[in-house]
C-alpha atoms as a PDB file:
ATOM      1  CA  MET A   1      93.137 136.585  46.734  1.00  0.00           C
ATOM      2  CA  GLU A   2      95.421 135.763  43.279  1.00  0.00           C
ATOM      3  CA  GLU A   3      98.509 135.444  45.564  1.00  0.00           C
ATOM      4  CA  PHE A   4      96.535 133.482  47.916  1.00  0.00           C
ATOM      5  CA  LYS A   5      95.783 131.203  45.398  1.00  0.00           C
ATOM      6  CA  THR A   6      99.153 131.088  43.856  1.00  0.00           C
ATOM      7  CA  TRP A   7     100.705 129.939  47.578  1.00  0.00           C
ATOM      8  CA  PHE A   8      97.844 127.856  48.173  1.00  0.00           C
ATOM      9  CA  PHE A   9      98.415 125.464  44.832  1.00  0.00           C
ATOM     10  CA  ILE A  10     102.079 125.371  45.587  1.00  0.00           C
ATOM     11  CA  GLY A  11     101.379 123.991  49.028  1.00  0.00           C
ATOM     12  CA  PHE A  12      98.804 121.724  47.272  1.00  0.00           C
ATOM     13  CA  ASP A  13     100.994 120.610  44.473  1.00  0.00           C
ATOM     14  CA  HIS A  14     103.759 119.886  46.935  1.00  0.00           C
ATOM     15  CA  ILE A  15     101.646 116.786  48.044  1.00  0.00           C
ATOM     16  CA  MET A  16     100.043 116.274  45.457  1.00  0.00           C
ATOM     17  CA  ASP A  17     103.222 116.052  43.448  1.00  0.00           C
ATOM     18  CA  ILE A  18     105.070 112.086  43.042  1.00  0.00           C
ATOM     19  CA  GLN A  19     108.341 113.890  43.700  1.00  0.00           C
ATOM     20  CA  ALA A  20     106.838 114.504  47.498  1.00  0.00           C
ATOM     21  CA  LEU A  21     106.642 110.760  48.038  1.00  0.00           C
ATOM     22  CA  ASP A  22     108.024 111.303  51.487  1.00  0.00           C
ATOM     23  CA  HIS A  23     105.146 113.412  52.474  1.00  0.00           C
ATOM     24  CA  THR A  24     102.684 111.004  51.245  1.00  0.00           C
ATOM     25  CA  LEU A  25     104.498 108.135  52.818  1.00  0.00           C
ATOM     26  CA  PHE A  26     104.685 109.829  56.228  1.00  0.00           C
ATOM     27  CA  ILE A  27     100.890 111.081  56.264  1.00  0.00           C
ATOM     28  CA  LEU A  28      99.791 107.432  55.131  1.00  0.00           C
ATOM     29  CA  ALA A  29     101.888 105.814  57.982  1.00  0.00           C
ATOM     30  CA  LEU A  30     100.428 108.206  60.603  1.00  0.00           C
ATOM     31  CA  VAL A  31      96.844 107.187  59.303  1.00  0.00           C
ATOM     32  CA  VAL A  32      96.636 103.713  58.385  1.00  0.00           C
ATOM     33  CA  ALA A  33      96.163 102.644  62.224  1.00  0.00           C
ATOM     34  CA  TYR A  34      92.797 104.631  62.382  1.00  0.00           C
ATOM     35  CA  ASP A  35      89.771 103.654  60.316  1.00  0.00           C
ATOM     36  CA  SER A  36      86.591 105.981  58.864  1.00  0.00           C
ATOM     37  CA  SER A  37      84.949 106.275  62.085  1.00  0.00           C
ATOM     38  CA  GLN A  38      87.915 108.522  63.710  1.00  0.00           C
ATOM     39  CA  ILE A  39      87.854 110.814  61.212  1.00  0.00           C
ATOM     40  CA  LYS A  40      87.959 114.013  63.617  1.00  0.00           C
ATOM     41  CA  LYS A  41      91.046 112.250  65.546  1.00  0.00           C
ATOM     42  CA  ILE A  42      92.326 111.802  61.996  1.00  0.00           C
ATOM     43  CA  ILE A  43      92.005 115.633  60.740  1.00  0.00           C
ATOM     44  CA  PHE A  44      93.547 116.406  64.262  1.00  0.00           C
ATOM     45  CA  LEU A  45      96.559 114.194  63.698  1.00  0.00           C
ATOM     46  CA  VAL A  46      96.985 115.417  60.297  1.00  0.00           C
ATOM     47  CA  THR A  47      96.715 119.305  61.424  1.00  0.00           C
ATOM     48  CA  ALA A  48      99.482 118.385  64.283  1.00  0.00           C
ATOM     49  CA  PHE A  49     101.496 117.667  61.273  1.00  0.00           C
ATOM     50  CA  THR A  50     101.350 120.739  59.443  1.00  0.00           C
ATOM     51  CA  ILE A  51     101.497 122.779  62.400  1.00  0.00           C
ATOM     52  CA  GLY A  52     105.195 120.887  62.930  1.00  0.00           C
ATOM     53  CA  HIS A  53     105.549 121.419  59.434  1.00  0.00           C
ATOM     54  CA  SER A  54     104.924 124.981  59.523  1.00  0.00           C
ATOM     55  CA  VAL A  55     107.031 126.210  62.488  1.00  0.00           C
ATOM     56  CA  THR A  56     110.264 125.002  61.269  1.00  0.00           C
ATOM     57  CA  LEU A  57     109.342 126.176  57.617  1.00  0.00           C
ATOM     58  CA  ALA A  58     108.637 129.685  59.028  1.00  0.00           C
ATOM     59  CA  LEU A  59     111.771 129.418  61.355  1.00  0.00           C
ATOM     60  CA  SER A  60     113.840 128.455  58.863  1.00  0.00           C
ATOM     61  CA  ALA A  61     112.717 130.985  56.209  1.00  0.00           C
ATOM     62  CA  LEU A  62     113.168 133.382  58.614  1.00  0.00           C
ATOM     63  CA  GLU A  63     116.741 132.481  59.187  1.00  0.00           C
ATOM     64  CA  LEU A  64     116.194 131.833  62.923  1.00  0.00           C
ATOM     65  CA  ILE A  65     117.488 128.455  62.457  1.00  0.00           C
ATOM     66  CA  SER A  66     120.010 126.344  60.425  1.00  0.00           C
ATOM     67  CA  PHE A  67     120.468 122.822  59.327  1.00  0.00           C
ATOM     68  CA  ASN A  68     122.492 120.430  57.493  1.00  0.00           C
ATOM     69  CA  GLN A  69     120.334 119.721  54.268  1.00  0.00           C
ATOM     70  CA  LYS A  70     121.808 116.439  54.214  1.00  0.00           C
ATOM     71  CA  ILE A  71     120.866 115.422  57.526  1.00  0.00           C
ATOM     72  CA  ILE A  72     117.349 116.671  56.921  1.00  0.00           C
ATOM     73  CA  GLU A  73     117.052 114.583  53.908  1.00  0.00           C
ATOM     74  CA  PHE A  74     118.104 111.338  55.700  1.00  0.00           C
ATOM     75  CA  SER A  75     116.157 112.098  58.723  1.00  0.00           C
ATOM     76  CA  ILE A  76     112.980 112.618  56.650  1.00  0.00           C
ATOM     77  CA  PRO A  77     112.710 108.873  55.463  1.00  0.00           C
ATOM     78  CA  LEU A  78     114.399 107.628  58.992  1.00  0.00           C
ATOM     79  CA  THR A  79     110.889 109.406  60.305  1.00  0.00           C
ATOM     80  CA  ILE A  80     108.657 107.563  57.756  1.00  0.00           C
ATOM     81  CA  PHE A  81     110.595 104.176  58.385  1.00  0.00           C
ATOM     82  CA  LEU A  82     110.250 104.980  62.550  1.00  0.00           C
ATOM     83  CA  THR A  83     106.467 105.669  61.870  1.00  0.00           C
ATOM     84  CA  ALA A  84     105.728 102.399  60.131  1.00  0.00           C
ATOM     85  CA  LEU A  85     107.609 100.605  62.655  1.00  0.00           C
ATOM     86  CA  ASN A  86     105.638 101.907  65.461  1.00  0.00           C
ATOM     87  CA  ASN A  87     102.512 101.076  63.497  1.00  0.00           C
ATOM     88  CA  ILE A  88     103.932  97.413  63.434  1.00  0.00           C
ATOM     89  CA  VAL A  89     104.825  97.257  66.850  1.00  0.00           C
ATOM     90  CA  ASN A  90     101.876  98.777  68.385  1.00  0.00           C
ATOM     91  CA  ARG A  91      98.767  97.177  65.703  1.00  0.00           C
ATOM     92  CA  LYS A  92      97.715  95.045  68.692  1.00  0.00           C
ATOM     93  CA  GLU A  93      97.567  97.788  71.239  1.00  0.00           C
ATOM     94  CA  SER A  94      94.463  98.972  72.448  1.00  0.00           C
ATOM     95  CA  LYS A  95      93.066 101.686  69.580  1.00  0.00           C
ATOM     96  CA  LYS A  96      93.119 104.370  72.106  1.00  0.00           C
ATOM     97  CA  LYS A  97      96.782 103.878  73.462  1.00  0.00           C
ATOM     98  CA  PHE A  98      97.923 103.427  69.979  1.00  0.00           C
ATOM     99  CA  VAL A  99      96.469 105.972  68.370  1.00  0.00           C
ATOM    100  CA  SER A 100      97.272 109.121  71.016  1.00  0.00           C
ATOM    101  CA  SER A 101     101.076 108.259  70.370  1.00  0.00           C
ATOM    102  CA  ASN A 102     100.391 109.618  66.776  1.00  0.00           C
ATOM    103  CA  TYR A 103      99.793 112.831  67.724  1.00  0.00           C
ATOM    104  CA  ILE A 104     103.301 113.385  69.125  1.00  0.00           C
ATOM    105  CA  ILE A 105     104.967 111.788  66.404  1.00  0.00           C
ATOM    106  CA  GLY A 106     102.860 113.940  64.116  1.00  0.00           C
ATOM    107  CA  LEU A 107     103.970 116.856  65.685  1.00  0.00           C
ATOM    108  CA  VAL A 108     107.626 116.406  66.527  1.00  0.00           C
ATOM    109  CA  PHE A 109     108.190 114.301  62.859  1.00  0.00           C
ATOM    110  CA  GLY A 110     106.487 117.013  61.221  1.00  0.00           C
ATOM    111  CA  LEU A 111     109.138 119.700  62.651  1.00  0.00           C
ATOM    112  CA  ILE A 112     111.777 117.813  60.522  1.00  0.00           C
ATOM    113  CA  HIS A 113     109.528 117.547  57.543  1.00  0.00           C
ATOM    114  CA  GLY A 114     109.324 121.314  57.505  1.00  0.00           C
ATOM    115  CA  LEU A 115     113.159 121.430  57.045  1.00  0.00           C
ATOM    116  CA  GLY A 116     113.028 119.454  54.302  1.00  0.00           C
ATOM    117  CA  PHE A 117     111.006 121.825  52.034  1.00  0.00           C
ATOM    118  CA  ALA A 118     112.320 124.947  53.855  1.00  0.00           C
ATOM    119  CA  ASN A 119     115.193 125.516  51.271  1.00  0.00           C
ATOM    120  CA  TYR A 120     113.099 125.599  48.121  1.00  0.00           C
ATOM    121  CA  LEU A 121     110.473 127.634  49.869  1.00  0.00           C
ATOM    122  CA  LYS A 122     112.990 130.054  50.949  1.00  0.00           C
ATOM    123  CA  ALA A 123     113.655 130.315  47.233  1.00  0.00           C
ATOM    124  CA  LEU A 124     110.024 131.339  46.663  1.00  0.00           C
ATOM    125  CA  LEU A 125     108.981 133.095  49.350  1.00  0.00           C
ATOM    126  CA  PHE A 126     109.228 136.854  50.753  1.00  0.00           C
ATOM    127  CA  LYS A 127     108.687 138.735  47.643  1.00  0.00           C
ATOM    128  CA  GLY A 128     105.338 139.901  49.494  1.00  0.00           C
ATOM    129  CA  ASN A 129     103.828 139.427  53.395  1.00  0.00           C
ATOM    130  CA  ILE A 130     105.487 136.393  54.554  1.00  0.00           C
ATOM    131  CA  VAL A 131     102.851 135.464  57.042  1.00  0.00           C
ATOM    132  CA  PHE A 132     100.171 135.614  54.264  1.00  0.00           C
ATOM    133  CA  GLU A 133     102.375 133.505  51.894  1.00  0.00           C
ATOM    134  CA  LEU A 134     102.947 131.064  54.402  1.00  0.00           C
ATOM    135  CA  PHE A 135      99.396 130.618  55.463  1.00  0.00           C
ATOM    136  CA  ALA A 136      98.042 129.839  52.128  1.00  0.00           C
ATOM    137  CA  PHE A 137     100.966 127.539  51.534  1.00  0.00           C
ATOM    138  CA  ASN A 138      99.909 125.571  54.423  1.00  0.00           C
ATOM    139  CA  VAL A 139      95.860 125.738  53.800  1.00  0.00           C
ATOM    140  CA  GLY A 140      97.005 124.278  50.323  1.00  0.00           C
ATOM    141  CA  ILE A 141      99.141 121.232  52.252  1.00  0.00           C
ATOM    142  CA  GLU A 142      96.288 120.831  54.600  1.00  0.00           C
ATOM    143  CA  ILE A 143      93.389 120.594  52.299  1.00  0.00           C
ATOM    144  CA  ALA A 144      95.701 118.248  49.862  1.00  0.00           C
ATOM    145  CA  GLN A 145      96.630 115.983  52.755  1.00  0.00           C
ATOM    146  CA  ILE A 146      93.187 115.784  53.754  1.00  0.00           C
ATOM    147  CA  ILE A 147      91.890 114.690  50.117  1.00  0.00           C
ATOM    148  CA  LEU A 148      94.916 112.176  50.522  1.00  0.00           C
ATOM    149  CA  VAL A 149      93.799 110.799  53.819  1.00  0.00           C
ATOM    150  CA  PHE A 150      90.024 110.348  52.503  1.00  0.00           C
ATOM    151  CA  VAL A 151      91.107 108.503  49.675  1.00  0.00           C
ATOM    152  CA  PHE A 152      92.842 106.414  51.575  1.00  0.00           C
ATOM    153  CA  LEU A 153      90.445 105.717  53.963  1.00  0.00           C
ATOM    154  CA  PHE A 154      88.308 104.649  51.376  1.00  0.00           C
ATOM    155  CA  LEU A 155      90.979 102.007  50.115  1.00  0.00           C
ATOM    156  CA  SER A 156      91.387 101.219  53.599  1.00  0.00           C
ATOM    157  CA  PHE A 157      88.146 100.539  54.403  1.00  0.00           C
ATOM    158  CA  LEU A 158      87.527  98.016  51.022  1.00  0.00           C
ATOM    159  CA  PHE A 159      91.011  96.569  51.438  1.00  0.00           C
ATOM    160  CA  SER A 160      90.605  95.646  55.324  1.00  0.00           C
ATOM    161  CA  ARG A 161      87.123  94.868  54.962  1.00  0.00           C
ATOM    162  CA  PHE A 162      87.334  92.211  51.943  1.00  0.00           C
ATOM    163  CA  VAL A 163      90.863  91.433  51.438  1.00  0.00           C
ATOM    164  CA  PHE A 164      92.378  90.949  55.085  1.00  0.00           C
ATOM    165  CA  SER A 165      90.387  89.007  57.837  1.00  0.00           C
ATOM    166  CA  LYS A 166      91.707  91.572  60.582  1.00  0.00           C
ATOM    167  CA  ARG A 167      92.502  95.049  60.591  1.00  0.00           C
ATOM    168  CA  GLU A 168      95.858  94.656  62.466  1.00  0.00           C
ATOM    169  CA  ASP A 169      96.692  92.979  59.105  1.00  0.00           C
ATOM    170  CA  TRP A 170      96.182  95.925  56.953  1.00  0.00           C
ATOM    171  CA  ILE A 171      97.763  97.986  58.910  1.00  0.00           C
ATOM    172  CA  LEU A 172     101.008  95.565  58.935  1.00  0.00           C
ATOM    173  CA  PHE A 173     100.926  95.167  55.525  1.00  0.00           C
ATOM    174  CA  VAL A 174     100.725  99.215  54.651  1.00  0.00           C
ATOM    175  CA  SER A 175     103.181  99.649  57.378  1.00  0.00           C
ATOM    176  CA  ALA A 176     105.715  96.775  55.750  1.00  0.00           C
ATOM    177  CA  LEU A 177     105.343  98.414  52.538  1.00  0.00           C
ATOM    178  CA  ILE A 178     106.055 101.873  53.925  1.00  0.00           C
ATOM    179  CA  MET A 179     108.744 100.733  55.953  1.00  0.00           C
ATOM    180  CA  GLY A 180     110.251  99.289  52.544  1.00  0.00           C
ATOM    181  CA  ILE A 181     109.985 102.270  50.174  1.00  0.00           C
ATOM    182  CA  SER A 182     111.585 104.195  53.657  1.00  0.00           C
ATOM    183  CA  PHE A 183     114.196 102.022  53.842  1.00  0.00           C
ATOM    184  CA  MET A 184     114.946 102.513  49.940  1.00  0.00           C
ATOM    185  CA  LEU A 185     114.903 106.353  50.475  1.00  0.00           C
ATOM    186  CA  ILE A 186     116.911 106.443  53.798  1.00  0.00           C
ATOM    187  CA  SER A 187     119.841 104.268  51.331  1.00  0.00           C
ATOM    188  CA  ASN A 188     119.724 107.153  48.807  1.00  0.00           C
ATOM    189  CA  ALA A 189     119.973 109.977  51.315  1.00  0.00           C
ATOM    190  CA  LYS A 190     123.238 109.132  53.212  1.00  0.00           C
ATOM    191  CA  PHE A 191     124.720 111.727  55.061  1.00  0.00           C
ATOM    192  CA  TRP A 192     128.345 110.178  55.648  1.00  0.00           C
END
């Protein structure tokens, strides 16, 4: 049980750490298009991201895939930028059409985000049962992401209800802010 707790908190802390700003920004970019009445869809979306993240973490940790870390470090903020851009472009689309594309974005871009943490995790893992360690780590990530989402949904409810007259204005505001931050991250992660 102690081993599970250790790996759980490594995953949990990965999300809650300010150094994991890229992960947090991506989650917020994914969920800003949703409102609190769509909590089941949001949980599925966050889980799709975790699944993508887990697959590449496991493949990399088992040394079944290799990658250029500089390209991954550049690609991660690029995925955030593209997700926020998708929000801005599609914010006036029907809610059903708009949010269904986010599942694909969450899963595919989750694959890239998993590679970003793989080297660090490889240095820590594999002292015991890799499946157990990765499972506990990903449960920690999932719980932290859900907490983050609930806090964001509460703030989103307040701001979209009392500050912005239209929900799409809130989506535009948050997505533009995320795009700006991700652009700075992209410019700091040039690989050429």
